[in-house]
Each structure stands twice: as structure tokens, then as C-alpha cells.
Amino acid sequence: MELIILEEKNIKIAEIKSDEIVINSPQDALDLMADAGNFGARSIILREKNFAPEFFNLSTKIAGEILQKFSNYRVKMAIVGEFEKYKSKSLKAFIGESNKGNLIFFVPNRKTAISKIIG
């Protein structure tokens, strides 16, 4: 995993570059927030492929637990991916609700991720 620090409008963003799963559990999310925080970043960009597949199955409750960690610590996160392929109505509603807030974003590309994070 490579952690790249971007700075947009005086906001430091940690962008994760990896083709592997980086977040399997809430503890992985906390560790990632700590790593990013060491560089002064309070925002993180990840890719859909960086999450364990169970994240996208809401019955596992992993997504809720992970997003709660980001919310508790007020760390913004943008997840870049193709989410329309998921057929679960509850997941679509979960993504929609997340996107209405100002901390967690499910977005189609990196440019949108940066835009959402910097507001």
C-alpha cells in the first residue's frame, strides 16, 4: 500500500494507492486514519477494491462499523468505485444517505472525490 498526501485548498488528503484489500475491519480503518493523521491528513481517498467484499453486504454490519469510526473521528472519506452494479436496495439507500452528509462519499472518480472532500 502506498499513501500519497495531496493538498488542495490547504486541505491535506491521504490517497491510498493499492490494488489489494486495505480495509477488512474497523481496526484497519482506525490504523489507516492514524497513518494519514501522521501526515496531517484528515481526509482519505480509497478505491472500492480496497475494501473487503463483505463491506458491501450490509448484513455483515462491517460497513456501518467502519463508517462509524470515520464519523466518530471526523475524518472525511471518499470511496471511488462503480456502485451501480450492486443490486441491494438497502446498500443503494446506504450509499445515498452517506452522500447526503459531509463526511463519507461514494463517488465515481478521483476528481469528484477531491471535490467532495474540499467542499
PDB file of N, CA and C in Angstrom:
ATOM      1  N   MET A   1       0.846  -1.184   0.000  1.00  0.00           N
ATOM      2  CA  MET A   1       0.000   0.000   0.000  1.00  0.00           C
ATOM      3  C   MET A   1       0.888   1.244   0.000  1.00  0.00           C
ATOM      4  N   GLU A   2       0.508   2.180  -0.836  1.00  0.00           N
ATOM      5  CA  GLU A   2       1.206   3.457  -0.893  1.00  0.00           C
ATOM      6  C   GLU A   2       0.239   4.546  -0.453  1.00  0.00           C
ATOM      7  N   LEU A   3       0.700   5.408   0.426  1.00  0.00           N
ATOM      8  CA  LEU A   3      -0.100   6.507   0.926  1.00  0.00           C
ATOM      9  C   LEU A   3       0.493   7.797   0.365  1.00  0.00           C
ATOM     10  N   ILE A   4      -0.292   8.489  -0.444  1.00  0.00           N
ATOM     11  CA  ILE A   4       0.154   9.727  -1.086  1.00  0.00           C
ATOM     12  C   ILE A   4      -0.601  10.888  -0.447  1.00  0.00           C
ATOM     13  N   ILE A   5       0.116  11.926  -0.086  1.00  0.00           N
ATOM     14  CA  ILE A   5      -0.523  13.098   0.521  1.00  0.00           C
ATOM     15  C   ILE A   5      -0.702  14.183  -0.546  1.00  0.00           C
ATOM     16  N   LEU A   6      -1.950  14.556  -0.756  1.00  0.00           N
ATOM     17  CA  LEU A   6      -2.303  15.644  -1.676  1.00  0.00           C
ATOM     18  C   LEU A   6      -2.658  16.860  -0.831  1.00  0.00           C
ATOM     19  N   GLU A   7      -2.532  18.024  -1.405  1.00  0.00           N
ATOM     20  CA  GLU A   7      -3.001  19.213  -0.711  1.00  0.00           C
ATOM     21  C   GLU A   7      -3.800  20.048  -1.692  1.00  0.00           C
ATOM     22  N   GLU A   8      -5.071  20.245  -1.348  1.00  0.00           N
ATOM     23  CA  GLU A   8      -5.990  21.039  -2.168  1.00  0.00           C
ATOM     24  C   GLU A   8      -6.633  22.089  -1.273  1.00  0.00           C
ATOM     25  N   LYS A   9      -6.496  23.350  -1.623  1.00  0.00           N
ATOM     26  CA  LYS A   9      -7.080  24.448  -0.841  1.00  0.00           C
ATOM     27  C   LYS A   9      -6.711  24.329   0.640  1.00  0.00           C
ATOM     28  N   ASN A  10      -5.439  24.057   0.895  1.00  0.00           N
ATOM     29  CA  ASN A  10      -4.906  23.923   2.258  1.00  0.00           C
ATOM     30  C   ASN A  10      -5.496  22.754   3.044  1.00  0.00           C
ATOM     31  N   ILE A  11      -6.079  21.787   2.354  1.00  0.00           N
ATOM     32  CA  ILE A  11      -6.602  20.580   2.997  1.00  0.00           C
ATOM     33  C   ILE A  11      -5.735  19.408   2.561  1.00  0.00           C
ATOM     34  N   LYS A  12      -5.176  18.707   3.544  1.00  0.00           N
ATOM     35  CA  LYS A  12      -4.356  17.540   3.240  1.00  0.00           C
ATOM     36  C   LYS A  12      -5.249  16.311   3.124  1.00  0.00           C
ATOM     37  N   ILE A  13      -5.056  15.584   2.035  1.00  0.00           N
ATOM     38  CA  ILE A  13      -5.832  14.386   1.744  1.00  0.00           C
ATOM     39  C   ILE A  13      -4.866  13.227   1.546  1.00  0.00           C
ATOM     40  N   ALA A  14      -5.107  12.125   2.241  1.00  0.00           N
ATOM     41  CA  ALA A  14      -4.311  10.913   2.040  1.00  0.00           C
ATOM     42  C   ALA A  14      -5.010  10.065   0.981  1.00  0.00           C
ATOM     43  N   GLU A  15      -4.308   9.804  -0.105  1.00  0.00           N
ATOM     44  CA  GLU A  15      -4.858   8.949  -1.158  1.00  0.00           C
ATOM     45  C   GLU A  15      -4.149   7.602  -1.086  1.00  0.00           C
ATOM     46  N   ILE A  16      -4.926   6.554  -1.022  1.00  0.00           N
ATOM     47  CA  ILE A  16      -4.380   5.203  -0.926  1.00  0.00           C
ATOM     48  C   ILE A  16      -4.240   4.627  -2.322  1.00  0.00           C
ATOM     49  N   LYS A  17      -3.041   4.194  -2.636  1.00  0.00           N
ATOM     50  CA  LYS A  17      -2.768   3.548  -3.918  1.00  0.00           C
ATOM     51  C   LYS A  17      -2.439   2.087  -3.631  1.00  0.00           C
ATOM     52  N   SER A  18      -3.359   1.217  -3.988  1.00  0.00           N
ATOM     53  CA  SER A  18      -3.153  -0.212  -3.785  1.00  0.00           C
ATOM     54  C   SER A  18      -4.178  -0.971  -4.612  1.00  0.00           C
ATOM     55  N   ASP A  19      -3.765  -2.099  -5.145  1.00  0.00           N
ATOM     56  CA  ASP A  19      -4.696  -2.977  -5.855  1.00  0.00           C
ATOM     57  C   ASP A  19      -5.234  -4.064  -4.931  1.00  0.00           C
ATOM     58  N   GLU A  20      -4.861  -3.987  -3.675  1.00  0.00           N
ATOM     59  CA  GLU A  20      -5.247  -5.015  -2.710  1.00  0.00           C
ATOM     60  C   GLU A  20      -6.266  -4.479  -1.718  1.00  0.00           C
ATOM     61  N   ILE A  21      -6.856  -5.393  -0.956  1.00  0.00           N
ATOM     62  CA  ILE A  21      -7.769  -5.019   0.114  1.00  0.00           C
ATOM     63  C   ILE A  21      -6.955  -4.406   1.247  1.00  0.00           C
ATOM     64  N   VAL A  22      -7.347  -3.209   1.647  1.00  0.00           N
ATOM     65  CA  VAL A  22      -6.662  -2.477   2.703  1.00  0.00           C
ATOM     66  C   VAL A  22      -7.510  -2.471   3.972  1.00  0.00           C
ATOM     67  N   ILE A  23      -8.832  -2.491   3.802  1.00  0.00           N
ATOM     68  CA  ILE A  23      -9.727  -2.425   4.955  1.00  0.00           C
ATOM     69  C   ILE A  23     -10.608  -3.679   5.004  1.00  0.00           C
ATOM     70  N   ASN A  24     -10.321  -4.490   6.016  1.00  0.00           N
ATOM     71  CA  ASN A  24     -11.109  -5.694   6.293  1.00  0.00           C
ATOM     72  C   ASN A  24     -11.967  -5.530   7.539  1.00  0.00           C
ATOM     73  N   SER A  25     -11.593  -4.570   8.387  1.00  0.00           N
ATOM     74  CA  SER A  25     -12.239  -4.460   9.698  1.00  0.00           C
ATOM     75  C   SER A  25     -12.214  -3.004  10.177  1.00  0.00           C
ATOM     76  N   PRO A  26     -12.998  -2.722  11.226  1.00  0.00           N
ATOM     77  CA  PRO A  26     -12.943  -1.380  11.814  1.00  0.00           C
ATOM     78  C   PRO A  26     -11.536  -1.019  12.306  1.00  0.00           C
ATOM     79  N   GLN A  27     -10.794  -1.995  12.793  1.00  0.00           N
ATOM     80  CA  GLN A  27      -9.433  -1.719  13.256  1.00  0.00           C
ATOM     81  C   GLN A  27      -8.539  -1.270  12.103  1.00  0.00           C
ATOM     82  N   ASP A  28      -8.712  -1.876  10.931  1.00  0.00           N
ATOM     83  CA  ASP A  28      -7.942  -1.438   9.755  1.00  0.00           C
ATOM     84  C   ASP A  28      -8.242   0.022   9.437  1.00  0.00           C
ATOM     85  N   ALA A  29      -9.511   0.415   9.590  1.00  0.00           N
ATOM     86  CA  ALA A  29      -9.893   1.813   9.339  1.00  0.00           C
ATOM     87  C   ALA A  29      -9.214   2.742  10.339  1.00  0.00           C
ATOM     88  N   LEU A  30      -9.196   2.350  11.602  1.00  0.00           N
ATOM     89  CA  LEU A  30      -8.529   3.161  12.623  1.00  0.00           C
ATOM     90  C   LEU A  30      -7.039   3.288  12.341  1.00  0.00           C
ATOM     91  N   ASP A  31      -6.412   2.180  11.954  1.00  0.00           N
ATOM     92  CA  ASP A  31      -4.978   2.209  11.639  1.00  0.00           C
ATOM     93  C   ASP A  31      -4.696   3.139  10.459  1.00  0.00           C
ATOM     94  N   LEU A  32      -5.561   3.090   9.457  1.00  0.00           N
ATOM     95  CA  LEU A  32      -5.390   3.946   8.282  1.00  0.00           C
ATOM     96  C   LEU A  32      -5.562   5.423   8.652  1.00  0.00           C
ATOM     97  N   MET A  33      -6.553   5.715   9.482  1.00  0.00           N
ATOM     98  CA  MET A  33      -6.743   7.100   9.932  1.00  0.00           C
ATOM     99  C   MET A  33      -5.519   7.593  10.703  1.00  0.00           C
ATOM    100  N   ALA A  34      -4.940   6.727  11.530  1.00  0.00           N
ATOM    101  CA  ALA A  34      -3.739   7.101  12.287  1.00  0.00           C
ATOM    102  C   ALA A  34      -2.566   7.358  11.341  1.00  0.00           C
ATOM    103  N   ASP A  35      -2.391   6.485  10.347  1.00  0.00           N
ATOM    104  CA  ASP A  35      -1.308   6.679   9.369  1.00  0.00           C
ATOM    105  C   ASP A  35      -1.471   8.008   8.640  1.00  0.00           C
ATOM    106  N   ALA A  36      -2.691   8.282   8.188  1.00  0.00           N
ATOM    107  CA  ALA A  36      -2.951   9.534   7.474  1.00  0.00           C
ATOM    108  C   ALA A  36      -2.744  10.730   8.400  1.00  0.00           C
ATOM    109  N   GLY A  37      -3.193  10.591   9.642  1.00  0.00           N
ATOM    110  CA  GLY A  37      -3.050  11.660  10.615  1.00  0.00           C
ATOM    111  C   GLY A  37      -1.596  12.008  10.905  1.00  0.00           C
ATOM    112  N   ASN A  38      -0.722  11.022  10.794  1.00  0.00           N
ATOM    113  CA  ASN A  38       0.708  11.280  11.000  1.00  0.00           C
ATOM    114  C   ASN A  38       1.260  12.267   9.973  1.00  0.00           C
ATOM    115  N   PHE A  39       0.565  12.404   8.857  1.00  0.00           N
ATOM    116  CA  PHE A  39       0.968  13.346   7.808  1.00  0.00           C
ATOM    117  C   PHE A  39       0.082  14.592   7.803  1.00  0.00           C
ATOM    118  N   GLY A  40      -0.773  14.718   8.807  1.00  0.00           N
ATOM    119  CA  GLY A  40      -1.644  15.883   8.906  1.00  0.00           C
ATOM    120  C   GLY A  40      -2.892  15.794   8.045  1.00  0.00           C
ATOM    121  N   ALA A  41      -3.191  14.615   7.515  1.00  0.00           N
ATOM    122  CA  ALA A  41      -4.369  14.445   6.648  1.00  0.00           C
ATOM    123  C   ALA A  41      -5.583  14.036   7.483  1.00  0.00           C
ATOM    124  N   ARG A  42      -6.680  14.746   7.294  1.00  0.00           N
ATOM    125  CA  ARG A  42      -7.944  14.434   7.968  1.00  0.00           C
ATOM    126  C   ARG A  42      -8.986  13.971   6.959  1.00  0.00           C
ATOM    127  N   SER A  43      -8.512  13.598   5.772  1.00  0.00           N
ATOM    128  CA  SER A  43      -9.376  13.098   4.705  1.00  0.00           C
ATOM    129  C   SER A  43      -8.632  11.988   3.979  1.00  0.00           C
ATOM    130  N   ILE A  44      -9.409  10.995   3.499  1.00  0.00           N
ATOM    131  CA  ILE A  44      -8.799   9.832   2.858  1.00  0.00           C
ATOM    132  C   ILE A  44      -9.594   9.467   1.611  1.00  0.00           C
ATOM    133  N   ILE A  45      -8.863   9.145   0.541  1.00  0.00           N
ATOM    134  CA  ILE A  45      -9.477   8.619  -0.682  1.00  0.00           C
ATOM    135  C   ILE A  45      -9.048   7.160  -0.825  1.00  0.00           C
ATOM    136  N   LEU A  46     -10.042   6.297  -0.967  1.00  0.00           N
ATOM    137  CA  LEU A  46      -9.819   4.865  -1.186  1.00  0.00           C
ATOM    138  C   LEU A  46     -10.565   4.436  -2.431  1.00  0.00           C
ATOM    139  N   ARG A  47     -10.255   3.253  -2.914  1.00  0.00           N
ATOM    140  CA  ARG A  47     -10.971   2.666  -4.045  1.00  0.00           C
ATOM    141  C   ARG A  47     -11.873   1.549  -3.531  1.00  0.00           C
ATOM    142  N   GLU A  48     -12.915   1.293  -4.247  1.00  0.00           N
ATOM    143  CA  GLU A  48     -13.845   0.215  -3.917  1.00  0.00           C
ATOM    144  C   GLU A  48     -13.088  -1.097  -3.687  1.00  0.00           C
ATOM    145  N   LYS A  49     -12.088  -1.365  -4.518  1.00  0.00           N
ATOM    146  CA  LYS A  49     -11.333  -2.620  -4.426  1.00  0.00           C
ATOM    147  C   LYS A  49     -10.473  -2.704  -3.163  1.00  0.00           C
ATOM    148  N   ASN A  50     -10.333  -1.594  -2.429  1.00  0.00           N
ATOM    149  CA  ASN A  50      -9.552  -1.596  -1.197  1.00  0.00           C
ATOM    150  C   ASN A  50     -10.339  -2.099   0.003  1.00  0.00           C
ATOM    151  N   PHE A  51     -11.618  -2.396  -0.206  1.00  0.00           N
ATOM    152  CA  PHE A  51     -12.482  -2.891   0.871  1.00  0.00           C
ATOM    153  C   PHE A  51     -12.786  -4.362   0.669  1.00  0.00           C
ATOM    154  N   ALA A  52     -12.836  -5.091   1.769  1.00  0.00           N
ATOM    155  CA  ALA A  52     -13.243  -6.496   1.709  1.00  0.00           C
ATOM    156  C   ALA A  52     -14.648  -6.561   1.111  1.00  0.00           C
ATOM    157  N   PRO A  53     -14.945  -7.578   0.312  1.00  0.00           N
ATOM    158  CA  PRO A  53     -16.277  -7.688  -0.299  1.00  0.00           C
ATOM    159  C   PRO A  53     -17.412  -7.638   0.727  1.00  0.00           C
ATOM    160  N   GLU A  54     -17.159  -8.099   1.934  1.00  0.00           N
ATOM    161  CA  GLU A  54     -18.180  -8.093   2.985  1.00  0.00           C
ATOM    162  C   GLU A  54     -18.647  -6.685   3.330  1.00  0.00           C
ATOM    163  N   PHE A  55     -17.810  -5.699   3.056  1.00  0.00           N
ATOM    164  CA  PHE A  55     -18.170  -4.306   3.312  1.00  0.00           C
ATOM    165  C   PHE A  55     -19.464  -3.948   2.577  1.00  0.00           C
ATOM    166  N   PHE A  56     -19.631  -4.477   1.382  1.00  0.00           N
ATOM    167  CA  PHE A  56     -20.776  -4.127   0.538  1.00  0.00           C
ATOM    168  C   PHE A  56     -21.992  -5.025   0.776  1.00  0.00           C
ATOM    169  N   ASN A  57     -21.893  -5.922   1.746  1.00  0.00           N
ATOM    170  CA  ASN A  57     -23.022  -6.738   2.190  1.00  0.00           C
ATOM    171  C   ASN A  57     -23.431  -6.197   3.558  1.00  0.00           C
ATOM    172  N   LEU A  58     -24.464  -5.365   3.583  1.00  0.00           N
ATOM    173  CA  LEU A  58     -24.818  -4.659   4.810  1.00  0.00           C
ATOM    174  C   LEU A  58     -25.199  -5.585   5.957  1.00  0.00           C
ATOM    175  N   SER A  59     -25.601  -6.817   5.658  1.00  0.00           N
ATOM    176  CA  SER A  59     -25.974  -7.739   6.731  1.00  0.00           C
ATOM    177  C   SER A  59     -24.780  -8.101   7.620  1.00  0.00           C
ATOM    178  N   THR A  60     -23.564  -7.903   7.127  1.00  0.00           N
ATOM    179  CA  THR A  60     -22.375  -8.183   7.941  1.00  0.00           C
ATOM    180  C   THR A  60     -22.120  -7.075   8.958  1.00  0.00           C
ATOM    181  N   LYS A  61     -22.702  -5.900   8.739  1.00  0.00           N
ATOM    182  CA  LYS A  61     -22.574  -4.719   9.593  1.00  0.00           C
ATOM    183  C   LYS A  61     -21.172  -4.113   9.584  1.00  0.00           C
ATOM    184  N   ILE A  62     -20.285  -4.631   8.753  1.00  0.00           N
ATOM    185  CA  ILE A  62     -18.916  -4.117   8.689  1.00  0.00           C
ATOM    186  C   ILE A  62     -18.901  -2.681   8.165  1.00  0.00           C
ATOM    187  N   ALA A  63     -19.681  -2.407   7.128  1.00  0.00           N
ATOM    188  CA  ALA A  63     -19.708  -1.052   6.559  1.00  0.00           C
ATOM    189  C   ALA A  63     -20.134  -0.034   7.611  1.00  0.00           C
ATOM    190  N   GLY A  64     -21.185  -0.329   8.327  1.00  0.00           N
ATOM    191  CA  GLY A  64     -21.658   0.585   9.360  1.00  0.00           C
ATOM    192  C   GLY A  64     -20.620   0.827  10.438  1.00  0.00           C
ATOM    193  N   GLU A  65     -19.945  -0.243  10.855  1.00  0.00           N
ATOM    194  CA  GLU A  65     -18.924  -0.109  11.893  1.00  0.00           C
ATOM    195  C   GLU A  65     -17.738   0.726  11.401  1.00  0.00           C
ATOM    196  N   ILE A  66     -17.324   0.484  10.167  1.00  0.00           N
ATOM    197  CA  ILE A  66     -16.190   1.232   9.613  1.00  0.00           C
ATOM    198  C   ILE A  66     -16.551   2.697   9.416  1.00  0.00           C
ATOM    199  N   LEU A  67     -17.697   2.968   8.830  1.00  0.00           N
ATOM    200  CA  LEU A  67     -18.095   4.352   8.616  1.00  0.00           C
ATOM    201  C   LEU A  67     -18.317   5.079   9.933  1.00  0.00           C
ATOM    202  N   GLN A  68     -18.739   4.358  10.957  1.00  0.00           N
ATOM    203  CA  GLN A  68     -18.909   4.967  12.276  1.00  0.00           C
ATOM    204  C   GLN A  68     -17.570   5.456  12.828  1.00  0.00           C
ATOM    205  N   LYS A  69     -16.506   4.699  12.571  1.00  0.00           N
ATOM    206  CA  LYS A  69     -15.163   5.123  13.016  1.00  0.00           C
ATOM    207  C   LYS A  69     -14.775   6.445  12.352  1.00  0.00           C
ATOM    208  N   PHE A  70     -14.994   6.538  11.054  1.00  0.00           N
ATOM    209  CA  PHE A  70     -14.667   7.784  10.347  1.00  0.00           C
ATOM    210  C   PHE A  70     -15.509   8.939  10.889  1.00  0.00           C
ATOM    211  N   SER A  71     -16.761   8.659  11.149  1.00  0.00           N
ATOM    212  CA  SER A  71     -17.659   9.685  11.676  1.00  0.00           C
ATOM    213  C   SER A  71     -17.239  10.114  13.077  1.00  0.00           C
ATOM    214  N   ASN A  72     -16.931   9.154  13.936  1.00  0.00           N
ATOM    215  CA  ASN A  72     -16.532   9.469  15.320  1.00  0.00           C
ATOM    216  C   ASN A  72     -15.298  10.358  15.367  1.00  0.00           C
ATOM    217  N   TYR A  73     -14.354  10.101  14.471  1.00  0.00           N
ATOM    218  CA  TYR A  73     -13.108  10.858  14.473  1.00  0.00           C
ATOM    219  C   TYR A  73     -13.122  12.034  13.499  1.00  0.00           C
ATOM    220  N   ARG A  74     -14.275  12.259  12.871  1.00  0.00           N
ATOM    221  CA  ARG A  74     -14.467  13.385  11.952  1.00  0.00           C
ATOM    222  C   ARG A  74     -13.437  13.397  10.821  1.00  0.00           C
ATOM    223  N   VAL A  75     -13.176  12.209  10.288  1.00  0.00           N
ATOM    224  CA  VAL A  75     -12.262  12.063   9.152  1.00  0.00           C
ATOM    225  C   VAL A  75     -13.115  11.844   7.912  1.00  0.00           C
ATOM    226  N   LYS A  76     -12.924  12.676   6.909  1.00  0.00           N
ATOM    227  CA  LYS A  76     -13.672  12.518   5.659  1.00  0.00           C
ATOM    228  C   LYS A  76     -13.089  11.371   4.859  1.00  0.00           C
ATOM    229  N   MET A  77     -13.983  10.637   4.182  1.00  0.00           N
ATOM    230  CA  MET A  77     -13.539   9.536   3.338  1.00  0.00           C
ATOM    231  C   MET A  77     -14.355   9.528   2.056  1.00  0.00           C
ATOM    232  N   ALA A  78     -13.651   9.403   0.951  1.00  0.00           N
ATOM    233  CA  ALA A  78     -14.308   9.224  -0.344  1.00  0.00           C
ATOM    234  C   ALA A  78     -13.894   7.860  -0.874  1.00  0.00           C
ATOM    235  N   ILE A  79     -14.882   7.096  -1.287  1.00  0.00           N
ATOM    236  CA  ILE A  79     -14.640   5.773  -1.870  1.00  0.00           C
ATOM    237  C   ILE A  79     -14.964   5.879  -3.352  1.00  0.00           C
ATOM    238  N   VAL A  80     -13.962   5.636  -4.183  1.00  0.00           N
ATOM    239  CA  VAL A  80     -14.119   5.728  -5.631  1.00  0.00           C
ATOM    240  C   VAL A  80     -14.448   4.342  -6.169  1.00  0.00           C
ATOM    241  N   GLY A  81     -15.552   4.261  -6.928  1.00  0.00           N
ATOM    242  CA  GLY A  81     -15.911   2.959  -7.488  1.00  0.00           C
ATOM    243  C   GLY A  81     -17.128   3.025  -8.382  1.00  0.00           C
ATOM    244  N   GLU A  82     -17.543   1.849  -8.815  1.00  0.00           N
ATOM    245  CA  GLU A  82     -18.731   1.703  -9.661  1.00  0.00           C
ATOM    246  C   GLU A  82     -19.796   1.006  -8.828  1.00  0.00           C
ATOM    247  N   PHE A  83     -20.602   1.769  -8.142  1.00  0.00           N
ATOM    248  CA  PHE A  83     -21.533   1.232  -7.163  1.00  0.00           C
ATOM    249  C   PHE A  83     -22.889   0.844  -7.739  1.00  0.00           C
ATOM    250  N   GLU A  84     -23.154   1.276  -8.968  1.00  0.00           N
ATOM    251  CA  GLU A  84     -24.447   0.945  -9.565  1.00  0.00           C
ATOM    252  C   GLU A  84     -24.593  -0.543  -9.844  1.00  0.00           C
ATOM    253  N   LYS A  85     -23.505  -1.296  -9.833  1.00  0.00           N
ATOM    254  CA  LYS A  85     -23.568  -2.739 -10.087  1.00  0.00           C
ATOM    255  C   LYS A  85     -24.189  -3.511  -8.921  1.00  0.00           C
ATOM    256  N   TYR A  86     -24.214  -2.905  -7.751  1.00  0.00           N
ATOM    257  CA  TYR A  86     -24.801  -3.568  -6.589  1.00  0.00           C
ATOM    258  C   TYR A  86     -26.321  -3.468  -6.668  1.00  0.00           C
ATOM    259  N   LYS A  87     -26.973  -4.589  -6.502  1.00  0.00           N
ATOM    260  CA  LYS A  87     -28.428  -4.645  -6.670  1.00  0.00           C
ATOM    261  C   LYS A  87     -29.203  -4.442  -5.368  1.00  0.00           C
ATOM    262  N   SER A  88     -28.527  -4.534  -4.238  1.00  0.00           N
ATOM    263  CA  SER A  88     -29.182  -4.417  -2.936  1.00  0.00           C
ATOM    264  C   SER A  88     -29.812  -3.033  -2.763  1.00  0.00           C
ATOM    265  N   LYS A  89     -31.115  -3.020  -2.510  1.00  0.00           N
ATOM    266  CA  LYS A  89     -31.808  -1.750  -2.286  1.00  0.00           C
ATOM    267  C   LYS A  89     -31.306  -1.081  -1.014  1.00  0.00           C
ATOM    268  N   SER A  90     -31.014  -1.883   0.007  1.00  0.00           N
ATOM    269  CA  SER A  90     -30.537  -1.295   1.261  1.00  0.00           C
ATOM    270  C   SER A  90     -29.149  -0.686   1.078  1.00  0.00           C
ATOM    271  N   LEU A  91     -28.287  -1.309   0.277  1.00  0.00           N
ATOM    272  CA  LEU A  91     -26.964  -0.734   0.023  1.00  0.00           C
ATOM    273  C   LEU A  91     -27.096   0.558  -0.777  1.00  0.00           C
ATOM    274  N   LYS A  92     -27.971   0.571  -1.763  1.00  0.00           N
ATOM    275  CA  LYS A  92     -28.179   1.796  -2.543  1.00  0.00           C
ATOM    276  C   LYS A  92     -28.676   2.931  -1.641  1.00  0.00           C
ATOM    277  N   ALA A  93     -29.579   2.604  -0.708  1.00  0.00           N
ATOM    278  CA  ALA A  93     -30.081   3.610   0.222  1.00  0.00           C
ATOM    279  C   ALA A  93     -28.965   4.077   1.161  1.00  0.00           C
ATOM    280  N   PHE A  94     -28.137   3.149   1.601  1.00  0.00           N
ATOM    281  CA  PHE A  94     -26.997   3.450   2.473  1.00  0.00           C
ATOM    282  C   PHE A  94     -26.033   4.411   1.773  1.00  0.00           C
ATOM    283  N   ILE A  95     -25.731   4.128   0.530  1.00  0.00           N
ATOM    284  CA  ILE A  95     -24.841   4.989  -0.256  1.00  0.00           C
ATOM    285  C   ILE A  95     -25.473   6.371  -0.447  1.00  0.00           C
ATOM    286  N   GLY A  96     -26.753   6.383  -0.771  1.00  0.00           N
ATOM    287  CA  GLY A  96     -27.464   7.655  -0.951  1.00  0.00           C
ATOM    288  C   GLY A  96     -27.448   8.508   0.307  1.00  0.00           C
ATOM    289  N   GLU A  97     -27.705   7.889   1.450  1.00  0.00           N
ATOM    290  CA  GLU A  97     -27.695   8.624   2.717  1.00  0.00           C
ATOM    291  C   GLU A  97     -26.298   9.133   3.053  1.00  0.00           C
ATOM    292  N   SER A  98     -25.296   8.296   2.812  1.00  0.00           N
ATOM    293  CA  SER A  98     -23.910   8.714   3.070  1.00  0.00           C
ATOM    294  C   SER A  98     -23.563   9.933   2.231  1.00  0.00           C
ATOM    295  N   ASN A  99     -23.957   9.915   0.975  1.00  0.00           N
ATOM    296  CA  ASN A  99     -23.631  11.016   0.063  1.00  0.00           C
ATOM    297  C   ASN A  99     -24.350  12.317   0.400  1.00  0.00           C
ATOM    298  N   LYS A 100     -25.414  12.232   1.190  1.00  0.00           N
ATOM    299  CA  LYS A 100     -26.123  13.449   1.606  1.00  0.00           C
ATOM    300  C   LYS A 100     -25.382  14.177   2.721  1.00  0.00           C
ATOM    301  N   GLY A 101     -24.508  13.465   3.408  1.00  0.00           N
ATOM    302  CA  GLY A 101     -23.776  14.058   4.524  1.00  0.00           C
ATOM    303  C   GLY A 101     -22.537  14.794   4.049  1.00  0.00           C
ATOM    304  N   ASN A 102     -21.634  15.064   4.990  1.00  0.00           N
ATOM    305  CA  ASN A 102     -20.425  15.793   4.628  1.00  0.00           C
ATOM    306  C   ASN A 102     -19.146  15.084   5.085  1.00  0.00           C
ATOM    307  N   LEU A 103     -19.251  13.776   5.397  1.00  0.00           N
ATOM    308  CA  LEU A 103     -18.062  13.037   5.828  1.00  0.00           C
ATOM    309  C   LEU A 103     -17.708  11.849   4.943  1.00  0.00           C
ATOM    310  N   ILE A 104     -18.702  11.119   4.472  1.00  0.00           N
ATOM    311  CA  ILE A 104     -18.477   9.886   3.711  1.00  0.00           C
ATOM    312  C   ILE A 104     -19.119  10.034   2.337  1.00  0.00           C
ATOM    313  N   PHE A 105     -18.326   9.717   1.306  1.00  0.00           N
ATOM    314  CA  PHE A 105     -18.821   9.880  -0.059  1.00  0.00           C
ATOM    315  C   PHE A 105     -18.498   8.639  -0.891  1.00  0.00           C
ATOM    316  N   PHE A 106     -19.463   8.182  -1.638  1.00  0.00           N
ATOM    317  CA  PHE A 106     -19.275   7.117  -2.620  1.00  0.00           C
ATOM    318  C   PHE A 106     -19.343   7.810  -3.976  1.00  0.00           C
ATOM    319  N   VAL A 107     -18.228   7.843  -4.694  1.00  0.00           N
ATOM    320  CA  VAL A 107     -18.124   8.663  -5.899  1.00  0.00           C
ATOM    321  C   VAL A 107     -17.570   7.857  -7.079  1.00  0.00           C
ATOM    322  N   PRO A 108     -17.809   8.335  -8.313  1.00  0.00           N
ATOM    323  CA  PRO A 108     -17.386   7.580  -9.492  1.00  0.00           C
ATOM    324  C   PRO A 108     -15.924   7.765  -9.897  1.00  0.00           C
ATOM    325  N   ASN A 109     -15.278   8.847  -9.417  1.00  0.00           N
ATOM    326  CA  ASN A 109     -13.903   9.087  -9.863  1.00  0.00           C
ATOM    327  C   ASN A 109     -13.134   9.942  -8.854  1.00  0.00           C
ATOM    328  N   ARG A 110     -11.833  10.010  -9.070  1.00  0.00           N
ATOM    329  CA  ARG A 110     -10.928  10.732  -8.178  1.00  0.00           C
ATOM    330  C   ARG A 110     -11.235  12.226  -8.134  1.00  0.00           C
ATOM    331  N   LYS A 111     -11.533  12.810  -9.264  1.00  0.00           N
ATOM    332  CA  LYS A 111     -11.829  14.243  -9.328  1.00  0.00           C
ATOM    333  C   LYS A 111     -13.032  14.591  -8.444  1.00  0.00           C
ATOM    334  N   THR A 112     -14.071  13.783  -8.530  1.00  0.00           N
ATOM    335  CA  THR A 112     -15.253  14.001  -7.696  1.00  0.00           C
ATOM    336  C   THR A 112     -14.915  13.793  -6.226  1.00  0.00           C
ATOM    337  N   ALA A 113     -14.064  12.812  -5.935  1.00  0.00           N
ATOM    338  CA  ALA A 113     -13.651  12.558  -4.548  1.00  0.00           C
ATOM    339  C   ALA A 113     -12.999  13.803  -3.947  1.00  0.00           C
ATOM    340  N   ILE A 114     -12.070  14.373  -4.667  1.00  0.00           N
ATOM    341  CA  ILE A 114     -11.370  15.572  -4.180  1.00  0.00           C
ATOM    342  C   ILE A 114     -12.348  16.733  -4.017  1.00  0.00           C
ATOM    343  N   SER A 115     -13.217  16.892  -4.993  1.00  0.00           N
ATOM    344  CA  SER A 115     -14.204  17.963  -4.941  1.00  0.00           C
ATOM    345  C   SER A 115     -15.112  17.846  -3.720  1.00  0.00           C
ATOM    346  N   LYS A 116     -15.582  16.649  -3.422  1.00  0.00           N
ATOM    347  CA  LYS A 116     -16.462  16.426  -2.263  1.00  0.00           C
ATOM    348  C   LYS A 116     -15.722  16.691  -0.959  1.00  0.00           C
ATOM    349  N   ILE A 117     -14.477  16.258  -0.893  1.00  0.00           N
ATOM    350  CA  ILE A 117     -13.699  16.422   0.337  1.00  0.00           C
ATOM    351  C   ILE A 117     -13.414  17.889   0.625  1.00  0.00           C
ATOM    352  N   ILE A 118     -13.039  18.630  -0.380  1.00  0.00           N
ATOM    353  CA  ILE A 118     -12.690  20.035  -0.129  1.00  0.00           C
ATOM    354  C   ILE A 118     -13.914  20.940  -0.049  1.00  0.00           C
ATOM    355  N   GLY A 119     -15.076  20.376  -0.435  1.00  0.00           N
ATOM    356  CA  GLY A 119     -16.332  21.122  -0.305  1.00  0.00           C
ATOM    357  C   GLY A 119     -16.461  22.177  -1.325  1.00  0.00           C
TER     358      GLY A 119
END
